[in-house]
Amino acid sequence: MVWLVGLITLLTIVLWVYAFFDALTTPAGEVRTLPKILWLVVVALLTPVGPLLWLFLGRPRASDVTAPPAPSAQADSIEHLDPSDFNTPSGREHPVGPDDDPEFLRRLNRRINPED
């Protein structure tokens, strides 16, 4: 019986953490029913019910998610910025880090093994 209570407690904690971070990282324009900040409060304060409400009523549906508007169509105001909006890829064609750059790896290999 004790293990059942522990399992239910563990599942509640996992659901709460998932729902909270899902609500935190969802762009504000895709949230349904309530504003994003209110969803964070609901999930944080109404622990057993709040995460379930987020998953069924607040989370964006897969069919509702649209492509972000073009940069020229966005407002130049800082009020519309959301931290989760910066997770989109930059569209750069060149490698980002030195470990992704084949030329850098070749030079490094030559410096480590000069006899090759």
Protein backbone atom coordinates (compact mmCIF):
# COMPACT_ATOMS: atom_id res chain seq x y z
CA MET A 1 0.00 0.00 0.00
CA VAL A 2 2.84 2.37 0.80
CA TRP A 3 4.47 1.72 -2.57
CA LEU A 4 1.19 2.64 -4.31
CA VAL A 5 1.09 6.00 -2.54
CA GLY A 6 4.75 6.54 -3.46
CA LEU A 7 4.06 5.64 -7.10
CA ILE A 8 1.10 8.02 -7.30
CA THR A 9 3.20 10.77 -5.71
CA LEU A 10 6.03 10.16 -8.17
CA LEU A 11 3.65 10.22 -11.16
CA THR A 12 2.09 13.46 -9.89
CA ILE A 13 5.52 15.09 -9.59
CA VAL A 14 6.56 13.92 -13.07
CA LEU A 15 3.29 15.18 -14.57
CA TRP A 16 3.66 18.53 -12.79
CA VAL A 17 7.26 19.03 -13.99
CA TYR A 18 6.35 18.06 -17.56
CA ALA A 19 3.29 20.32 -17.69
CA PHE A 20 5.09 23.28 -16.09
CA PHE A 21 8.05 23.20 -18.48
CA ASP A 22 5.78 22.51 -21.43
CA ALA A 23 3.70 25.58 -20.53
CA LEU A 24 6.86 27.61 -19.94
CA THR A 25 8.39 26.78 -23.33
CA THR A 26 5.21 27.04 -25.41
CA PRO A 27 5.11 30.31 -27.40
CA ALA A 28 2.54 32.72 -25.96
CA GLY A 29 0.67 32.99 -29.27
CA GLU A 30 -0.04 29.24 -29.38
CA VAL A 31 -1.53 28.88 -25.89
CA ARG A 32 -5.29 28.20 -25.81
CA THR A 33 -8.05 29.32 -23.43
CA LEU A 34 -6.03 31.48 -20.96
CA PRO A 35 -2.95 33.73 -21.22
CA LYS A 36 0.36 31.95 -20.78
CA ILE A 37 1.16 33.52 -17.39
CA LEU A 38 -2.18 32.36 -15.97
CA TRP A 39 -1.52 28.83 -17.21
CA LEU A 40 1.80 28.85 -15.38
CA VAL A 41 0.03 29.94 -12.18
CA VAL A 42 -2.69 27.29 -12.62
CA VAL A 43 -0.13 24.52 -13.19
CA ALA A 44 2.03 25.68 -10.27
CA LEU A 45 -0.72 26.17 -7.69
CA LEU A 46 -3.31 23.54 -8.56
CA THR A 47 -0.88 20.63 -8.49
CA PRO A 48 -3.09 17.59 -9.04
CA VAL A 49 -5.57 19.27 -11.40
CA GLY A 50 -3.53 22.10 -12.98
CA PRO A 51 -1.23 19.93 -15.12
CA LEU A 52 -4.21 17.95 -16.44
CA LEU A 53 -6.06 21.16 -17.28
CA TRP A 54 -2.98 22.40 -19.15
CA LEU A 55 -2.67 19.19 -21.15
CA PHE A 56 -6.34 19.10 -22.17
CA LEU A 57 -7.33 22.79 -22.37
CA GLY A 58 -4.24 24.98 -22.68
CA ARG A 59 -1.70 23.08 -24.71
CA PRO A 60 -1.67 23.88 -28.43
CA ARG A 61 -3.00 21.17 -30.69
CA ALA A 62 -0.65 19.81 -33.34
CA SER A 63 -3.03 21.03 -36.05
CA ASP A 64 -3.15 24.54 -34.54
CA VAL A 65 0.61 25.10 -34.68
CA THR A 66 1.50 27.28 -37.65
CA ALA A 67 4.72 28.58 -39.08
CA PRO A 68 6.01 31.79 -37.48
CA PRO A 69 5.35 34.97 -39.45
CA ALA A 70 8.04 36.50 -41.61
CA PRO A 71 10.48 38.79 -39.75
CA SER A 72 9.18 41.84 -41.61
CA ALA A 73 5.65 41.12 -40.42
CA GLN A 74 6.66 40.98 -36.75
CA ALA A 75 6.50 44.09 -34.61
CA ASP A 76 9.79 45.70 -33.63
CA SER A 77 8.59 45.95 -30.04
CA ILE A 78 10.20 44.01 -27.21
CA GLU A 79 6.75 43.39 -25.71
CA HIS A 80 6.07 40.58 -28.18
CA LEU A 81 9.25 38.63 -27.40
CA ASP A 82 8.96 35.26 -25.72
CA PRO A 83 11.98 33.15 -24.65
CA SER A 84 10.63 30.09 -26.45
CA ASP A 85 10.63 32.01 -29.75
CA PHE A 86 14.43 31.83 -29.82
CA ASN A 87 14.47 28.03 -30.13
CA THR A 88 13.92 28.16 -33.89
CA PRO A 89 16.86 27.21 -36.13
CA SER A 90 18.85 30.07 -37.59
CA GLY A 91 18.97 28.66 -41.12
CA ARG A 92 22.76 29.00 -41.37
CA GLU A 93 24.45 26.74 -43.90
CA HIS A 94 27.92 26.75 -42.33
CA PRO A 95 28.88 24.70 -39.23
CA VAL A 96 28.07 26.23 -35.87
CA GLY A 97 30.73 24.71 -33.61
CA PRO A 98 34.33 23.72 -34.25
CA ASP A 99 33.51 20.04 -33.79
CA ASP A 100 31.06 20.31 -36.73
CA ASP A 101 33.62 21.89 -39.06
CA PRO A 102 35.40 19.22 -41.17
CA GLU A 103 38.32 21.52 -42.04
CA PHE A 104 38.95 22.27 -38.35
CA LEU A 105 38.92 18.55 -37.58
CA ARG A 106 41.40 17.85 -40.40
CA ARG A 107 43.81 20.51 -39.13
CA LEU A 108 43.46 19.21 -35.60
CA ASN A 109 44.15 15.67 -36.75
CA ARG A 110 47.29 16.88 -38.61
CA ARG A 111 48.53 18.65 -35.48
CA ILE A 112 47.93 15.58 -33.32
CA ASN A 113 49.33 13.05 -35.82
CA PRO A 114 51.96 14.88 -37.95
CA GLU A 115 53.42 11.64 -39.33
CA ASP A 116 50.26 10.77 -41.31
